[in-house]
Amino acid sequence: MVGGADRGGADQRGHRDRPAGRLRRDAEVPAASAIANSRKLRELRVQHAGQPYRVLYAFDSKRNAVLLLGGNKTGDGRWYEKHVPKAEKLFAAYLEETGQTGQGRPIQ
């Protein structure tokens, strides 16, 4: 394996989202996942200087990633409760402005 990825492009955890040999084995890779109770939002989980940061995003109908908001969630047990509704409103406004109302891609 070169750079933590095999020749087929999968890293040690089976992720295929980066070309083989592009990242060092010890490089930290942000994780992404769907947001519970949201059909369209996803989150990017990043650690910086030992602090957990979250970036909420969604894909529009053209498969463009739209970064909506983010922040440090240290010590805030209600971070998602406060920020998911804001991100959903921002995404709805984006879809309206771009003429894609109701066309965001649901998470599969």
C-alpha atoms as a PDB file:
ATOM      1  CA  MET A   1       0.000   0.000   0.000  1.00  0.00           C
ATOM      2  CA  VAL A   2       1.159   3.489  -0.819  1.00  0.00           C
ATOM      3  CA  GLY A   3      -0.004   6.354   1.376  1.00  0.00           C
ATOM      4  CA  GLY A   4      -2.523   4.158   3.174  1.00  0.00           C
ATOM      5  CA  ALA A   5      -4.394   3.155   0.021  1.00  0.00           C
ATOM      6  CA  ASP A   6      -4.277  -0.005  -2.041  1.00  0.00           C
ATOM      7  CA  ARG A   7      -4.023  -0.037  -5.833  1.00  0.00           C
ATOM      8  CA  GLY A   8      -7.811  -0.143  -6.113  1.00  0.00           C
ATOM      9  CA  GLY A   9      -8.144   3.239  -4.442  1.00  0.00           C
ATOM     10  CA  ALA A  10      -9.544   2.017  -1.109  1.00  0.00           C
ATOM     11  CA  ASP A  11      -7.793   3.010   2.090  1.00  0.00           C
ATOM     12  CA  GLN A  12      -7.448   0.785   5.151  1.00  0.00           C
ATOM     13  CA  ARG A  13     -11.045   1.519   6.213  1.00  0.00           C
ATOM     14  CA  GLY A  14     -12.461   0.786   2.759  1.00  0.00           C
ATOM     15  CA  HIS A  15     -13.032   4.443   1.854  1.00  0.00           C
ATOM     16  CA  ARG A  16     -12.701   5.147  -1.862  1.00  0.00           C
ATOM     17  CA  ASP A  17     -13.124   8.918  -1.848  1.00  0.00           C
ATOM     18  CA  ARG A  18      -9.502   9.786  -2.625  1.00  0.00           C
ATOM     19  CA  PRO A  19      -7.020   8.549  -5.215  1.00  0.00           C
ATOM     20  CA  ALA A  20      -4.430   5.985  -4.156  1.00  0.00           C
ATOM     21  CA  GLY A  21      -1.237   7.516  -2.815  1.00  0.00           C
ATOM     22  CA  ARG A  22      -2.606  11.044  -2.385  1.00  0.00           C
ATOM     23  CA  LEU A  23      -2.477  11.310   1.433  1.00  0.00           C
ATOM     24  CA  ARG A  24       0.111  10.268   3.961  1.00  0.00           C
ATOM     25  CA  ARG A  25      -0.879   7.311   6.111  1.00  0.00           C
ATOM     26  CA  ASP A  26      -0.757   9.473   9.256  1.00  0.00           C
ATOM     27  CA  ALA A  27      -2.757  12.361   7.754  1.00  0.00           C
ATOM     28  CA  GLU A  28      -5.985  13.169   9.541  1.00  0.00           C
ATOM     29  CA  VAL A  29      -8.949  12.814   7.225  1.00  0.00           C
ATOM     30  CA  PRO A  30     -12.206  14.611   8.016  1.00  0.00           C
ATOM     31  CA  ALA A  31     -15.253  12.388   8.308  1.00  0.00           C
ATOM     32  CA  ALA A  32     -18.664  13.075   6.811  1.00  0.00           C
ATOM     33  CA  SER A  33     -22.086  11.669   7.555  1.00  0.00           C
ATOM     34  CA  ALA A  34     -25.793  12.327   7.287  1.00  0.00           C
ATOM     35  CA  ILE A  35     -27.572  14.408   9.917  1.00  0.00           C
ATOM     36  CA  ALA A  36     -30.288  12.631  11.892  1.00  0.00           C
ATOM     37  CA  ASN A  37     -33.774  14.083  11.333  1.00  0.00           C
ATOM     38  CA  SER A  38     -32.749  15.808   8.096  1.00  0.00           C
ATOM     39  CA  ARG A  39     -33.300  14.397   4.619  1.00  0.00           C
ATOM     40  CA  LYS A  40     -30.774  16.661   2.908  1.00  0.00           C
ATOM     41  CA  LEU A  41     -28.109  17.881   5.348  1.00  0.00           C
ATOM     42  CA  ARG A  42     -24.763  16.264   5.942  1.00  0.00           C
ATOM     43  CA  GLU A  43     -21.934  17.174   8.272  1.00  0.00           C
ATOM     44  CA  LEU A  44     -18.203  17.367   7.877  1.00  0.00           C
ATOM     45  CA  ARG A  45     -16.459  16.528  11.168  1.00  0.00           C
ATOM     46  CA  VAL A  46     -13.051  18.139  11.601  1.00  0.00           C
ATOM     47  CA  GLN A  47     -10.635  18.255  14.526  1.00  0.00           C
ATOM     48  CA  HIS A  48      -8.406  21.329  14.794  1.00  0.00           C
ATOM     49  CA  ALA A  49      -6.016  21.903  17.676  1.00  0.00           C
ATOM     50  CA  GLY A  50      -7.896  19.224  19.613  1.00  0.00           C
ATOM     51  CA  GLN A  51     -11.245  20.956  19.162  1.00  0.00           C
ATOM     52  CA  PRO A  52     -14.274  19.444  17.349  1.00  0.00           C
ATOM     53  CA  TYR A  53     -15.578  21.569  14.476  1.00  0.00           C
ATOM     54  CA  ARG A  54     -18.651  20.777  12.414  1.00  0.00           C
ATOM     55  CA  VAL A  55     -19.609  22.083   8.967  1.00  0.00           C
ATOM     56  CA  LEU A  56     -23.162  21.486   7.793  1.00  0.00           C
ATOM     57  CA  TYR A  57     -23.639  21.139   4.044  1.00  0.00           C
ATOM     58  CA  ALA A  58     -26.002  19.769   1.413  1.00  0.00           C
ATOM     59  CA  PHE A  59     -25.923  18.866  -2.269  1.00  0.00           C
ATOM     60  CA  ASP A  60     -28.135  20.743  -4.692  1.00  0.00           C
ATOM     61  CA  SER A  61     -29.814  19.124  -7.693  1.00  0.00           C
ATOM     62  CA  LYS A  62     -26.669  19.697  -9.779  1.00  0.00           C
ATOM     63  CA  ARG A  63     -24.564  17.813  -7.172  1.00  0.00           C
ATOM     64  CA  ASN A  64     -22.822  21.003  -6.047  1.00  0.00           C
ATOM     65  CA  ALA A  65     -21.841  20.884  -2.389  1.00  0.00           C
ATOM     66  CA  VAL A  66     -23.260  23.923  -0.595  1.00  0.00           C
ATOM     67  CA  LEU A  67     -21.440  24.730   2.667  1.00  0.00           C
ATOM     68  CA  LEU A  68     -24.073  26.255   4.921  1.00  0.00           C
ATOM     69  CA  LEU A  69     -22.582  26.927   8.347  1.00  0.00           C
ATOM     70  CA  GLY A  70     -20.040  25.603  10.757  1.00  0.00           C
ATOM     71  CA  GLY A  71     -18.505  26.090  14.138  1.00  0.00           C
ATOM     72  CA  ASN A  72     -16.783  24.696  17.191  1.00  0.00           C
ATOM     73  CA  LYS A  73     -19.134  22.472  19.164  1.00  0.00           C
ATOM     74  CA  THR A  74     -16.980  22.180  22.296  1.00  0.00           C
ATOM     75  CA  GLY A  75     -19.161  22.187  25.395  1.00  0.00           C
ATOM     76  CA  ASP A  76     -22.391  22.708  23.466  1.00  0.00           C
ATOM     77  CA  GLY A  77     -24.608  19.660  23.887  1.00  0.00           C
ATOM     78  CA  ARG A  78     -27.346  21.400  21.878  1.00  0.00           C
ATOM     79  CA  TRP A  79     -25.160  22.378  18.888  1.00  0.00           C
ATOM     80  CA  TYR A  80     -27.199  20.334  16.424  1.00  0.00           C
ATOM     81  CA  GLU A  81     -30.553  21.465  17.855  1.00  0.00           C
ATOM     82  CA  LYS A  82     -29.523  25.097  17.352  1.00  0.00           C
ATOM     83  CA  HIS A  83     -27.702  24.881  14.027  1.00  0.00           C
ATOM     84  CA  VAL A  84     -29.529  22.264  11.930  1.00  0.00           C
ATOM     85  CA  PRO A  85     -32.709  24.402  11.627  1.00  0.00           C
ATOM     86  CA  LYS A  86     -30.577  27.419  10.637  1.00  0.00           C
ATOM     87  CA  ALA A  87     -28.742  25.368   7.994  1.00  0.00           C
ATOM     88  CA  GLU A  88     -32.021  24.031   6.605  1.00  0.00           C
ATOM     89  CA  LYS A  89     -33.353  27.602   6.247  1.00  0.00           C
ATOM     90  CA  LEU A  90     -30.128  28.695   4.542  1.00  0.00           C
ATOM     91  CA  PHE A  91     -30.334  25.770   2.127  1.00  0.00           C
ATOM     92  CA  ALA A  92     -33.999  26.508   1.332  1.00  0.00           C
ATOM     93  CA  ALA A  93     -33.047  30.136   0.618  1.00  0.00           C
ATOM     94  CA  TYR A  94     -30.175  29.000  -1.611  1.00  0.00           C
ATOM     95  CA  LEU A  95     -32.484  26.685  -3.572  1.00  0.00           C
ATOM     96  CA  GLU A  96     -35.015  29.504  -3.963  1.00  0.00           C
ATOM     97  CA  GLU A  97     -32.371  31.986  -5.162  1.00  0.00           C
ATOM     98  CA  THR A  98     -30.978  29.531  -7.696  1.00  0.00           C
ATOM     99  CA  GLY A  99     -34.366  28.408  -8.989  1.00  0.00           C
ATOM    100  CA  GLN A 100     -34.005  24.892  -7.555  1.00  0.00           C
ATOM    101  CA  THR A 101     -36.826  25.092  -5.004  1.00  0.00           C
ATOM    102  CA  GLY A 102     -37.558  21.650  -3.588  1.00  0.00           C
ATOM    103  CA  GLN A 103     -34.860  20.023  -5.698  1.00  0.00           C
ATOM    104  CA  GLY A 104     -32.091  19.400  -3.172  1.00  0.00           C
ATOM    105  CA  ARG A 105     -30.809  15.843  -3.239  1.00  0.00           C
ATOM    106  CA  PRO A 106     -32.175  13.594  -0.457  1.00  0.00           C
ATOM    107  CA  ILE A 107     -29.564  11.526   1.339  1.00  0.00           C
ATOM    108  CA  GLN A 108     -29.555   7.905   0.263  1.00  0.00           C
END
